[in-house]
Amino acid sequence: MSLTLPPKVTDRTFARLAEISAAPQALRVAVEGGGCSGFQYEITLDSPDDGDLVLEKDGQKVVVDEVSLPFLENAVIDFTEELIGARFTVENPNATSSCGCGTSFAM
């Protein structure tokens, strides 16, 4: 049996959550079927559920459900600010290809 390595969450992600978090909600990162490449990331503010992996720092939480966890093994969840806008991103070493939209990928 192999051990699934959890995703890593950058300090920028936790800092941005602290800026926008008015309620005790977590950043949920999930993987769903669909998108232009087969799978897509769903990033929302939500409450942790039983069975979620909870990654926490300074009271801020990022959660991943157990179905999405294998797809996000060793991924990096980040917050980026660029000229075109600011957003949460996922750098996923398991993805074999991704779409220009940045939310769709294939494995």
PDB file of N, CA and C in Angstrom:
ATOM      1  N   MET A   1       0.851  -1.174   0.000  1.00  0.00           N
ATOM      2  CA  MET A   1       0.000   0.000   0.000  1.00  0.00           C
ATOM      3  C   MET A   1       0.896   1.236   0.000  1.00  0.00           C
ATOM      4  N   SER A   2       0.615   2.161  -0.921  1.00  0.00           N
ATOM      5  CA  SER A   2       1.427   3.370  -0.996  1.00  0.00           C
ATOM      6  C   SER A   2       0.762   4.503  -0.221  1.00  0.00           C
ATOM      7  N   LEU A   3       1.589   5.352   0.301  1.00  0.00           N
ATOM      8  CA  LEU A   3       1.124   6.496   1.076  1.00  0.00           C
ATOM      9  C   LEU A   3       0.938   7.682   0.146  1.00  0.00           C
ATOM     10  N   THR A   4      -0.218   8.303   0.173  1.00  0.00           N
ATOM     11  CA  THR A   4      -0.476   9.480  -0.647  1.00  0.00           C
ATOM     12  C   THR A   4       0.095  10.709   0.046  1.00  0.00           C
ATOM     13  N   LEU A   5       0.980  11.435  -0.663  1.00  0.00           N
ATOM     14  CA  LEU A   5       1.541  12.656  -0.106  1.00  0.00           C
ATOM     15  C   LEU A   5       0.539  13.790  -0.274  1.00  0.00           C
ATOM     16  N   PRO A   6       0.232  14.513   0.778  1.00  0.00           N
ATOM     17  CA  PRO A   6      -0.762  15.585   0.667  1.00  0.00           C
ATOM     18  C   PRO A   6      -0.224  16.752  -0.157  1.00  0.00           C
ATOM     19  N   PRO A   7      -1.133  17.573  -0.665  1.00  0.00           N
ATOM     20  CA  PRO A   7      -0.655  18.779  -1.351  1.00  0.00           C
ATOM     21  C   PRO A   7       0.013  19.724  -0.363  1.00  0.00           C
ATOM     22  N   LYS A   8       0.870  20.576  -0.896  1.00  0.00           N
ATOM     23  CA  LYS A   8       1.511  21.611  -0.086  1.00  0.00           C
ATOM     24  C   LYS A   8       0.741  22.910  -0.306  1.00  0.00           C
ATOM     25  N   VAL A   9       0.658  23.728   0.720  1.00  0.00           N
ATOM     26  CA  VAL A   9      -0.033  25.016   0.631  1.00  0.00           C
ATOM     27  C   VAL A   9       0.993  26.095   0.946  1.00  0.00           C
ATOM     28  N   THR A  10       1.107  27.080   0.055  1.00  0.00           N
ATOM     29  CA  THR A  10       2.098  28.140   0.256  1.00  0.00           C
ATOM     30  C   THR A  10       1.639  29.137   1.316  1.00  0.00           C
ATOM     31  N   ASP A  11       2.619  29.851   1.865  1.00  0.00           N
ATOM     32  CA  ASP A  11       2.315  30.907   2.830  1.00  0.00           C
ATOM     33  C   ASP A  11       1.444  31.994   2.205  1.00  0.00           C
ATOM     34  N   ARG A  12       1.638  32.256   0.892  1.00  0.00           N
ATOM     35  CA  ARG A  12       0.810  33.272   0.202  1.00  0.00           C
ATOM     36  C   ARG A  12      -0.663  32.885   0.211  1.00  0.00           C
ATOM     37  N   THR A  13      -0.936  31.578   0.089  1.00  0.00           N
ATOM     38  CA  THR A  13      -2.319  31.114   0.120  1.00  0.00           C
ATOM     39  C   THR A  13      -2.941  31.388   1.473  1.00  0.00           C
ATOM     40  N   PHE A  14      -2.247  30.995   2.544  1.00  0.00           N
ATOM     41  CA  PHE A  14      -2.781  31.226   3.892  1.00  0.00           C
ATOM     42  C   PHE A  14      -2.923  32.719   4.178  1.00  0.00           C
ATOM     43  N   ALA A  15      -1.977  33.528   3.715  1.00  0.00           N
ATOM     44  CA  ALA A  15      -2.053  34.980   3.932  1.00  0.00           C
ATOM     45  C   ALA A  15      -3.267  35.572   3.223  1.00  0.00           C
ATOM     46  N   ARG A  16      -3.531  35.136   1.991  1.00  0.00           N
ATOM     47  CA  ARG A  16      -4.688  35.648   1.242  1.00  0.00           C
ATOM     48  C   ARG A  16      -5.986  35.210   1.906  1.00  0.00           C
ATOM     49  N   LEU A  17      -6.030  33.991   2.393  1.00  0.00           N
ATOM     50  CA  LEU A  17      -7.225  33.528   3.109  1.00  0.00           C
ATOM     51  C   LEU A  17      -7.492  34.388   4.333  1.00  0.00           C
ATOM     52  N   ALA A  18      -6.440  34.767   5.051  1.00  0.00           N
ATOM     53  CA  ALA A  18      -6.601  35.625   6.230  1.00  0.00           C
ATOM     54  C   ALA A  18      -7.165  36.985   5.828  1.00  0.00           C
ATOM     55  N   GLU A  19      -6.782  37.486   4.647  1.00  0.00           N
ATOM     56  CA  GLU A  19      -7.280  38.786   4.169  1.00  0.00           C
ATOM     57  C   GLU A  19      -8.756  38.731   3.790  1.00  0.00           C
ATOM     58  N   ILE A  20      -9.194  37.637   3.178  1.00  0.00           N
ATOM     59  CA  ILE A  20     -10.567  37.579   2.663  1.00  0.00           C
ATOM     60  C   ILE A  20     -11.537  36.855   3.575  1.00  0.00           C
ATOM     61  N   SER A  21     -11.041  36.217   4.605  1.00  0.00           N
ATOM     62  CA  SER A  21     -11.881  35.369   5.440  1.00  0.00           C
ATOM     63  C   SER A  21     -12.624  36.180   6.489  1.00  0.00           C
ATOM     64  N   ALA A  22     -13.904  36.412   6.231  1.00  0.00           N
ATOM     65  CA  ALA A  22     -14.733  37.100   7.221  1.00  0.00           C
ATOM     66  C   ALA A  22     -15.432  36.089   8.121  1.00  0.00           C
ATOM     67  N   ALA A  23     -15.574  34.879   7.627  1.00  0.00           N
ATOM     68  CA  ALA A  23     -16.240  33.824   8.386  1.00  0.00           C
ATOM     69  C   ALA A  23     -15.263  32.656   8.545  1.00  0.00           C
ATOM     70  N   PRO A  24     -15.556  31.765   9.454  1.00  0.00           N
ATOM     71  CA  PRO A  24     -14.654  30.630   9.655  1.00  0.00           C
ATOM     72  C   PRO A  24     -14.806  29.576   8.551  1.00  0.00           C
ATOM     73  N   GLN A  25     -14.506  29.973   7.329  1.00  0.00           N
ATOM     74  CA  GLN A  25     -14.599  29.046   6.213  1.00  0.00           C
ATOM     75  C   GLN A  25     -13.206  28.682   5.722  1.00  0.00           C
ATOM     76  N   ALA A  26     -13.126  27.548   5.067  1.00  0.00           N
ATOM     77  CA  ALA A  26     -11.864  27.057   4.547  1.00  0.00           C
ATOM     78  C   ALA A  26     -11.868  27.183   3.032  1.00  0.00           C
ATOM     79  N   LEU A  27     -10.686  27.143   2.454  1.00  0.00           N
ATOM     80  CA  LEU A  27     -10.551  27.081   1.005  1.00  0.00           C
ATOM     81  C   LEU A  27     -10.628  25.612   0.629  1.00  0.00           C
ATOM     82  N   ARG A  28     -11.648  25.237  -0.132  1.00  0.00           N
ATOM     83  CA  ARG A  28     -11.801  23.855  -0.576  1.00  0.00           C
ATOM     84  C   ARG A  28     -11.220  23.721  -1.975  1.00  0.00           C
ATOM     85  N   VAL A  29     -10.303  22.757  -2.140  1.00  0.00           N
ATOM     86  CA  VAL A  29      -9.732  22.450  -3.441  1.00  0.00           C
ATOM     87  C   VAL A  29     -10.174  21.028  -3.781  1.00  0.00           C
ATOM     88  N   ALA A  30     -10.933  20.904  -4.858  1.00  0.00           N
ATOM     89  CA  ALA A  30     -11.461  19.602  -5.264  1.00  0.00           C
ATOM     90  C   ALA A  30     -11.153  19.365  -6.738  1.00  0.00           C
ATOM     91  N   VAL A  31     -11.206  18.104  -7.135  1.00  0.00           N
ATOM     92  CA  VAL A  31     -11.028  17.719  -8.530  1.00  0.00           C
ATOM     93  C   VAL A  31     -12.316  17.070  -8.983  1.00  0.00           C
ATOM     94  N   GLU A  32     -12.824  17.527 -10.133  1.00  0.00           N
ATOM     95  CA  GLU A  32     -14.053  16.980 -10.690  1.00  0.00           C
ATOM     96  C   GLU A  32     -13.810  16.579 -12.132  1.00  0.00           C
ATOM     97  N   GLY A  33     -14.612  15.662 -12.622  1.00  0.00           N
ATOM     98  CA  GLY A  33     -14.557  15.308 -14.030  1.00  0.00           C
ATOM     99  C   GLY A  33     -15.110  16.453 -14.852  1.00  0.00           C
ATOM    100  N   GLY A  34     -14.557  16.649 -16.050  1.00  0.00           N
ATOM    101  CA  GLY A  34     -15.042  17.716 -16.927  1.00  0.00           C
ATOM    102  C   GLY A  34     -13.919  18.632 -17.333  1.00  0.00           C
ATOM    103  N   GLY A  35     -14.273  19.809 -17.773  1.00  0.00           N
ATOM    104  CA  GLY A  35     -13.267  20.753 -18.263  1.00  0.00           C
ATOM    105  C   GLY A  35     -12.796  20.341 -19.646  1.00  0.00           C
ATOM    106  N   CYS A  36     -11.941  21.119 -20.231  1.00  0.00           N
ATOM    107  CA  CYS A  36     -11.493  20.836 -21.598  1.00  0.00           C
ATOM    108  C   CYS A  36     -10.454  19.737 -21.678  1.00  0.00           C
ATOM    109  N   SER A  37      -9.866  19.334 -20.545  1.00  0.00           N
ATOM    110  CA  SER A  37      -8.815  18.316 -20.581  1.00  0.00           C
ATOM    111  C   SER A  37      -9.167  17.035 -19.830  1.00  0.00           C
ATOM    112  N   GLY A  38     -10.381  16.908 -19.333  1.00  0.00           N
ATOM    113  CA  GLY A  38     -10.793  15.685 -18.641  1.00  0.00           C
ATOM    114  C   GLY A  38     -11.105  15.861 -17.170  1.00  0.00           C
ATOM    115  N   PHE A  39     -10.299  16.663 -16.470  1.00  0.00           N
ATOM    116  CA  PHE A  39     -10.533  16.971 -15.061  1.00  0.00           C
ATOM    117  C   PHE A  39     -10.435  18.477 -14.882  1.00  0.00           C
ATOM    118  N   GLN A  40     -11.081  18.978 -13.832  1.00  0.00           N
ATOM    119  CA  GLN A  40     -10.958  20.403 -13.540  1.00  0.00           C
ATOM    120  C   GLN A  40     -10.912  20.621 -12.035  1.00  0.00           C
ATOM    121  N   TYR A  41     -10.244  21.705 -11.651  1.00  0.00           N
ATOM    122  CA  TYR A  41     -10.173  22.078 -10.241  1.00  0.00           C
ATOM    123  C   TYR A  41     -11.403  22.899  -9.900  1.00  0.00           C
ATOM    124  N   GLU A  42     -11.935  22.643  -8.733  1.00  0.00           N
ATOM    125  CA  GLU A  42     -13.033  23.430  -8.175  1.00  0.00           C
ATOM    126  C   GLU A  42     -12.495  24.042  -6.893  1.00  0.00           C
ATOM    127  N   ILE A  43     -12.362  25.363  -6.862  1.00  0.00           N
ATOM    128  CA  ILE A  43     -11.799  26.055  -5.697  1.00  0.00           C
ATOM    129  C   ILE A  43     -12.872  26.989  -5.149  1.00  0.00           C
ATOM    130  N   THR A  44     -13.314  26.711  -3.925  1.00  0.00           N
ATOM    131  CA  THR A  44     -14.404  27.463  -3.323  1.00  0.00           C
ATOM    132  C   THR A  44     -14.117  27.700  -1.835  1.00  0.00           C
ATOM    133  N   LEU A  45     -14.881  28.588  -1.231  1.00  0.00           N
ATOM    134  CA  LEU A  45     -14.873  28.736   0.224  1.00  0.00           C
ATOM    135  C   LEU A  45     -15.977  27.848   0.763  1.00  0.00           C
ATOM    136  N   ASP A  46     -15.661  27.041   1.769  1.00  0.00           N
ATOM    137  CA  ASP A  46     -16.599  26.040   2.256  1.00  0.00           C
ATOM    138  C   ASP A  46     -16.223  25.680   3.690  1.00  0.00           C
ATOM    139  N   SER A  47     -17.072  24.931   4.341  1.00  0.00           N
ATOM    140  CA  SER A  47     -16.774  24.419   5.680  1.00  0.00           C
ATOM    141  C   SER A  47     -16.189  23.020   5.553  1.00  0.00           C
ATOM    142  N   PRO A  48     -15.251  22.664   6.415  1.00  0.00           N
ATOM    143  CA  PRO A  48     -14.692  21.307   6.385  1.00  0.00           C
ATOM    144  C   PRO A  48     -15.770  20.260   6.676  1.00  0.00           C
ATOM    145  N   ASP A  49     -15.674  19.123   5.998  1.00  0.00           N
ATOM    146  CA  ASP A  49     -16.579  17.999   6.213  1.00  0.00           C
ATOM    147  C   ASP A  49     -15.808  16.853   6.854  1.00  0.00           C
ATOM    148  N   ASP A  50     -16.535  15.910   7.444  1.00  0.00           N
ATOM    149  CA  ASP A  50     -15.895  14.708   7.969  1.00  0.00           C
ATOM    150  C   ASP A  50     -15.185  14.000   6.822  1.00  0.00           C
ATOM    151  N   GLY A  51     -13.996  13.536   7.056  1.00  0.00           N
ATOM    152  CA  GLY A  51     -13.236  12.832   6.032  1.00  0.00           C
ATOM    153  C   GLY A  51     -12.328  13.723   5.207  1.00  0.00           C
ATOM    154  N   ASP A  52     -12.479  15.042   5.324  1.00  0.00           N
ATOM    155  CA  ASP A  52     -11.601  15.970   4.592  1.00  0.00           C
ATOM    156  C   ASP A  52     -10.208  15.972   5.201  1.00  0.00           C
ATOM    157  N   LEU A  53      -9.204  16.140   4.344  1.00  0.00           N
ATOM    158  CA  LEU A  53      -7.863  16.458   4.817  1.00  0.00           C
ATOM    159  C   LEU A  53      -7.864  17.953   5.088  1.00  0.00           C
ATOM    160  N   VAL A  54      -7.471  18.353   6.288  1.00  0.00           N
ATOM    161  CA  VAL A  54      -7.435  19.763   6.657  1.00  0.00           C
ATOM    162  C   VAL A  54      -5.974  20.176   6.815  1.00  0.00           C
ATOM    163  N   LEU A  55      -5.556  21.152   6.012  1.00  0.00           N
ATOM    164  CA  LEU A  55      -4.212  21.722   6.104  1.00  0.00           C
ATOM    165  C   LEU A  55      -4.384  23.102   6.725  1.00  0.00           C
ATOM    166  N   GLU A  56      -3.725  23.360   7.848  1.00  0.00           N
ATOM    167  CA  GLU A  56      -3.999  24.574   8.619  1.00  0.00           C
ATOM    168  C   GLU A  56      -2.717  25.306   8.990  1.00  0.00           C
ATOM    169  N   LYS A  57      -2.813  26.649   8.961  1.00  0.00           N
ATOM    170  CA  LYS A  57      -1.722  27.495   9.437  1.00  0.00           C
ATOM    171  C   LYS A  57      -2.320  28.810   9.928  1.00  0.00           C
ATOM    172  N   ASP A  58      -1.915  29.236  11.112  1.00  0.00           N
ATOM    173  CA  ASP A  58      -2.369  30.501  11.698  1.00  0.00           C
ATOM    174  C   ASP A  58      -3.889  30.634  11.685  1.00  0.00           C
ATOM    175  N   GLY A  59      -4.598  29.535  11.905  1.00  0.00           N
ATOM    176  CA  GLY A  59      -6.053  29.559  11.965  1.00  0.00           C
ATOM    177  C   GLY A  59      -6.745  29.494  10.615  1.00  0.00           C
ATOM    178  N   GLN A  60      -6.005  29.551   9.530  1.00  0.00           N
ATOM    179  CA  GLN A  60      -6.580  29.457   8.179  1.00  0.00           C
ATOM    180  C   GLN A  60      -6.514  28.001   7.722  1.00  0.00           C
ATOM    181  N   LYS A  61      -7.541  27.554   6.983  1.00  0.00           N
ATOM    182  CA  LYS A  61      -7.626  26.154   6.600  1.00  0.00           C
ATOM    183  C   LYS A  61      -7.820  25.988   5.091  1.00  0.00           C
ATOM    184  N   VAL A  62      -7.157  24.971   4.557  1.00  0.00           N
ATOM    185  CA  VAL A  62      -7.384  24.502   3.192  1.00  0.00           C
ATOM    186  C   VAL A  62      -7.818  23.053   3.338  1.00  0.00           C
ATOM    187  N   VAL A  63      -8.919  22.684   2.675  1.00  0.00           N
ATOM    188  CA  VAL A  63      -9.439  21.320   2.802  1.00  0.00           C
ATOM    189  C   VAL A  63      -9.499  20.638   1.441  1.00  0.00           C
ATOM    190  N   VAL A  64      -9.272  19.323   1.476  1.00  0.00           N
ATOM    191  CA  VAL A  64      -9.348  18.491   0.277  1.00  0.00           C
ATOM    192  C   VAL A  64     -10.149  17.252   0.646  1.00  0.00           C
ATOM    193  N   ASP A  65     -11.157  16.926  -0.157  1.00  0.00           N
ATOM    194  CA  ASP A  65     -11.952  15.729   0.126  1.00  0.00           C
ATOM    195  C   ASP A  65     -11.163  14.482  -0.243  1.00  0.00           C
ATOM    196  N   GLU A  66     -11.579  13.333   0.316  1.00  0.00           N
ATOM    197  CA  GLU A  66     -10.803  12.107   0.129  1.00  0.00           C
ATOM    198  C   GLU A  66     -10.819  11.585  -1.302  1.00  0.00           C
ATOM    199  N   VAL A  67     -11.828  11.905  -2.102  1.00  0.00           N
ATOM    200  CA  VAL A  67     -11.862  11.488  -3.509  1.00  0.00           C
ATOM    201  C   VAL A  67     -10.848  12.291  -4.326  1.00  0.00           C
ATOM    202  N   SER A  68     -10.708  13.580  -4.034  1.00  0.00           N
ATOM    203  CA  SER A  68      -9.783  14.454  -4.780  1.00  0.00           C
ATOM    204  C   SER A  68      -8.329  14.269  -4.363  1.00  0.00           C
ATOM    205  N   LEU A  69      -8.108  13.783  -3.154  1.00  0.00           N
ATOM    206  CA  LEU A  69      -6.753  13.715  -2.608  1.00  0.00           C
ATOM    207  C   LEU A  69      -5.748  12.984  -3.506  1.00  0.00           C
ATOM    208  N   PRO A  70      -6.062  11.802  -4.056  1.00  0.00           N
ATOM    209  CA  PRO A  70      -5.070  11.138  -4.913  1.00  0.00           C
ATOM    210  C   PRO A  70      -4.699  11.962  -6.161  1.00  0.00           C
ATOM    211  N   PHE A  71      -5.628  12.750  -6.676  1.00  0.00           N
ATOM    212  CA  PHE A  71      -5.364  13.587  -7.849  1.00  0.00           C
ATOM    213  C   PHE A  71      -4.445  14.764  -7.509  1.00  0.00           C
ATOM    214  N   LEU A  72      -4.412  15.136  -6.230  1.00  0.00           N
ATOM    215  CA  LEU A  72      -3.640  16.299  -5.786  1.00  0.00           C
ATOM    216  C   LEU A  72      -2.382  15.901  -5.025  1.00  0.00           C
ATOM    217  N   GLU A  73      -1.986  14.639  -5.135  1.00  0.00           N
ATOM    218  CA  GLU A  73      -0.802  14.170  -4.430  1.00  0.00           C
ATOM    219  C   GLU A  73       0.416  15.006  -4.797  1.00  0.00           C
ATOM    220  N   ASN A  74       1.046  15.566  -3.790  1.00  0.00           N
ATOM    221  CA  ASN A  74       2.276  16.354  -3.939  1.00  0.00           C
ATOM    222  C   ASN A  74       2.105  17.623  -4.781  1.00  0.00           C
ATOM    223  N   ALA A  75       0.878  18.072  -4.976  1.00  0.00           N
ATOM    224  CA  ALA A  75       0.619  19.320  -5.710  1.00  0.00           C
ATOM    225  C   ALA A  75       0.937  20.512  -4.804  1.00  0.00           C
ATOM    226  N   VAL A  76       1.016  21.695  -5.403  1.00  0.00           N
ATOM    227  CA  VAL A  76       1.251  22.927  -4.645  1.00  0.00           C
ATOM    228  C   VAL A  76       0.063  23.862  -4.886  1.00  0.00           C
ATOM    229  N   ILE A  77      -0.604  24.239  -3.805  1.00  0.00           N
ATOM    230  CA  ILE A  77      -1.722  25.181  -3.859  1.00  0.00           C
ATOM    231  C   ILE A  77      -1.151  26.550  -3.526  1.00  0.00           C
ATOM    232  N   ASP A  78      -1.351  27.508  -4.425  1.00  0.00           N
ATOM    233  CA  ASP A  78      -0.710  28.814  -4.294  1.00  0.00           C
ATOM    234  C   ASP A  78      -1.714  29.917  -4.590  1.00  0.00           C
ATOM    235  N   PHE A  79      -1.324  31.135  -4.256  1.00  0.00           N
ATOM    236  CA  PHE A  79      -2.088  32.326  -4.628  1.00  0.00           C
ATOM    237  C   PHE A  79      -1.157  33.201  -5.446  1.00  0.00           C
ATOM    238  N   THR A  80      -1.589  33.565  -6.651  1.00  0.00           N
ATOM    239  CA  THR A  80      -0.739  34.377  -7.517  1.00  0.00           C
ATOM    240  C   THR A  80      -1.443  35.679  -7.869  1.00  0.00           C
ATOM    241  N   GLU A  81      -0.643  36.723  -7.965  1.00  0.00           N
ATOM    242  CA  GLU A  81      -1.130  38.030  -8.415  1.00  0.00           C
ATOM    243  C   GLU A  81      -0.336  38.409  -9.652  1.00  0.00           C
ATOM    244  N   GLU A  82      -1.050  38.559 -10.761  1.00  0.00           N
ATOM    245  CA  GLU A  82      -0.417  38.914 -12.019  1.00  0.00           C
ATOM    246  C   GLU A  82      -1.154  40.108 -12.612  1.00  0.00           C
ATOM    247  N   LEU A  83      -0.638  40.614 -13.689  1.00  0.00           N
ATOM    248  CA  LEU A  83      -1.261  41.744 -14.361  1.00  0.00           C
ATOM    249  C   LEU A  83      -2.710  41.452 -14.758  1.00  0.00           C
ATOM    250  N   ILE A  84      -2.978  40.194 -15.146  1.00  0.00           N
ATOM    251  CA  ILE A  84      -4.322  39.831 -15.592  1.00  0.00           C
ATOM    252  C   ILE A  84      -5.273  39.531 -14.450  1.00  0.00           C
ATOM    253  N   GLY A  85      -4.770  39.462 -13.231  1.00  0.00           N
ATOM    254  CA  GLY A  85      -5.635  39.227 -12.084  1.00  0.00           C
ATOM    255  C   GLY A  85      -4.968  38.377 -11.022  1.00  0.00           C
ATOM    256  N   ALA A  86      -5.682  38.167  -9.937  1.00  0.00           N
ATOM    257  CA  ALA A  86      -5.193  37.377  -8.818  1.00  0.00           C
ATOM    258  C   ALA A  86      -6.091  36.156  -8.667  1.00  0.00           C
ATOM    259  N   ARG A  87      -5.480  35.007  -8.314  1.00  0.00           N
ATOM    260  CA  ARG A  87      -6.274  33.788  -8.176  1.00  0.00           C
ATOM    261  C   ARG A  87      -5.500  32.723  -7.422  1.00  0.00           C
ATOM    262  N   PHE A  88      -6.240  31.767  -6.897  1.00  0.00           N
ATOM    263  CA  PHE A  88      -5.635  30.582  -6.314  1.00  0.00           C
ATOM    264  C   PHE A  88      -5.302  29.633  -7.465  1.00  0.00           C
ATOM    265  N   THR A  89      -4.129  28.994  -7.401  1.00  0.00           N
ATOM    266  CA  THR A  89      -3.698  28.096  -8.462  1.00  0.00           C
ATOM    267  C   THR A  89      -3.264  26.758  -7.874  1.00  0.00           C
ATOM    268  N   VAL A  90      -3.203  25.755  -8.744  1.00  0.00           N
ATOM    269  CA  VAL A  90      -2.724  24.438  -8.358  1.00  0.00           C
ATOM    270  C   VAL A  90      -1.631  24.041  -9.334  1.00  0.00           C
ATOM    271  N   GLU A  91      -0.437  23.801  -8.815  1.00  0.00           N
ATOM    272  CA  GLU A  91       0.660  23.269  -9.622  1.00  0.00           C
ATOM    273  C   GLU A  91       0.705  21.774  -9.328  1.00  0.00           C
ATOM    274  N   ASN A  92       0.302  20.976 -10.323  1.00  0.00           N
ATOM    275  CA  ASN A  92       0.086  19.561 -10.097  1.00  0.00           C
ATOM    276  C   ASN A  92       1.098  18.716 -10.874  1.00  0.00           C
ATOM    277  N   PRO A  93       2.035  18.055 -10.190  1.00  0.00           N
ATOM    278  CA  PRO A  93       3.027  17.233 -10.885  1.00  0.00           C
ATOM    279  C   PRO A  93       2.425  15.970 -11.503  1.00  0.00           C
ATOM    280  N   ASN A  94       1.189  15.624 -11.138  1.00  0.00           N
ATOM    281  CA  ASN A  94       0.528  14.435 -11.669  1.00  0.00           C
ATOM    282  C   ASN A  94      -0.149  14.691 -13.007  1.00  0.00           C
ATOM    283  N   ALA A  95      -0.368  15.952 -13.354  1.00  0.00           N
ATOM    284  CA  ALA A  95      -1.054  16.291 -14.606  1.00  0.00           C
ATOM    285  C   ALA A  95      -0.110  16.057 -15.785  1.00  0.00           C
ATOM    286  N   THR A  96      -0.599  15.351 -16.791  1.00  0.00           N
ATOM    287  CA  THR A  96       0.208  15.106 -17.988  1.00  0.00           C
ATOM    288  C   THR A  96       0.061  16.236 -18.989  1.00  0.00           C
ATOM    289  N   SER A  97      -1.053  16.965 -18.906  1.00  0.00           N
ATOM    290  CA  SER A  97      -1.255  18.145 -19.743  1.00  0.00           C
ATOM    291  C   SER A  97      -2.282  19.029 -19.064  1.00  0.00           C
ATOM    292  N   SER A  98      -2.322  20.288 -19.467  1.00  0.00           N
ATOM    293  CA  SER A  98      -3.310  21.205 -18.904  1.00  0.00           C
ATOM    294  C   SER A  98      -3.776  22.146 -19.997  1.00  0.00           C
ATOM    295  N   CYS A  99      -4.857  22.815 -19.716  1.00  0.00           N
ATOM    296  CA  CYS A  99      -5.464  23.731 -20.680  1.00  0.00           C
ATOM    297  C   CYS A  99      -5.001  25.154 -20.351  1.00  0.00           C
ATOM    298  N   GLY A 100      -5.106  26.029 -21.307  1.00  0.00           N
ATOM    299  CA  GLY A 100      -4.720  27.427 -21.096  1.00  0.00           C
ATOM    300  C   GLY A 100      -5.547  28.130 -20.037  1.00  0.00           C
ATOM    301  N   CYS A 101      -6.720  27.586 -19.710  1.00  0.00           N
ATOM    302  CA  CYS A 101      -7.569  28.222 -18.707  1.00  0.00           C
ATOM    303  C   CYS A 101      -6.976  28.104 -17.306  1.00  0.00           C
ATOM    304  N   GLY A 102      -6.090  27.125 -17.092  1.00  0.00           N
ATOM    305  CA  GLY A 102      -5.452  26.958 -15.796  1.00  0.00           C
ATOM    306  C   GLY A 102      -6.258  26.168 -14.793  1.00  0.00           C
ATOM    307  N   THR A 103      -7.481  25.757 -15.141  1.00  0.00           N
ATOM    308  CA  THR A 103      -8.284  24.986 -14.187  1.00  0.00           C
ATOM    309  C   THR A 103      -8.567  23.586 -14.693  1.00  0.00           C
ATOM    310  N   SER A 104      -8.185  23.259 -15.909  1.00  0.00           N
ATOM    311  CA  SER A 104      -8.466  21.957 -16.495  1.00  0.00           C
ATOM    312  C   SER A 104      -7.160  21.222 -16.767  1.00  0.00           C
ATOM    313  N   PHE A 105      -7.163  19.894 -16.527  1.00  0.00           N
ATOM    314  CA  PHE A 105      -5.942  19.108 -16.723  1.00  0.00           C
ATOM    315  C   PHE A 105      -6.273  17.669 -17.065  1.00  0.00           C
ATOM    316  N   ALA A 106      -5.277  16.940 -17.556  1.00  0.00           N
ATOM    317  CA  ALA A 106      -5.406  15.513 -17.858  1.00  0.00           C
ATOM    318  C   ALA A 106      -4.361  14.757 -17.052  1.00  0.00           C
ATOM    319  N   MET A 107      -4.668  13.469 -16.800  1.00  0.00           N
ATOM    320  CA  MET A 107      -3.718  12.609 -16.072  1.00  0.00           C
ATOM    321  C   MET A 107      -3.467  11.354 -16.873  1.00  0.00           C
TER     322      MET A 107
END
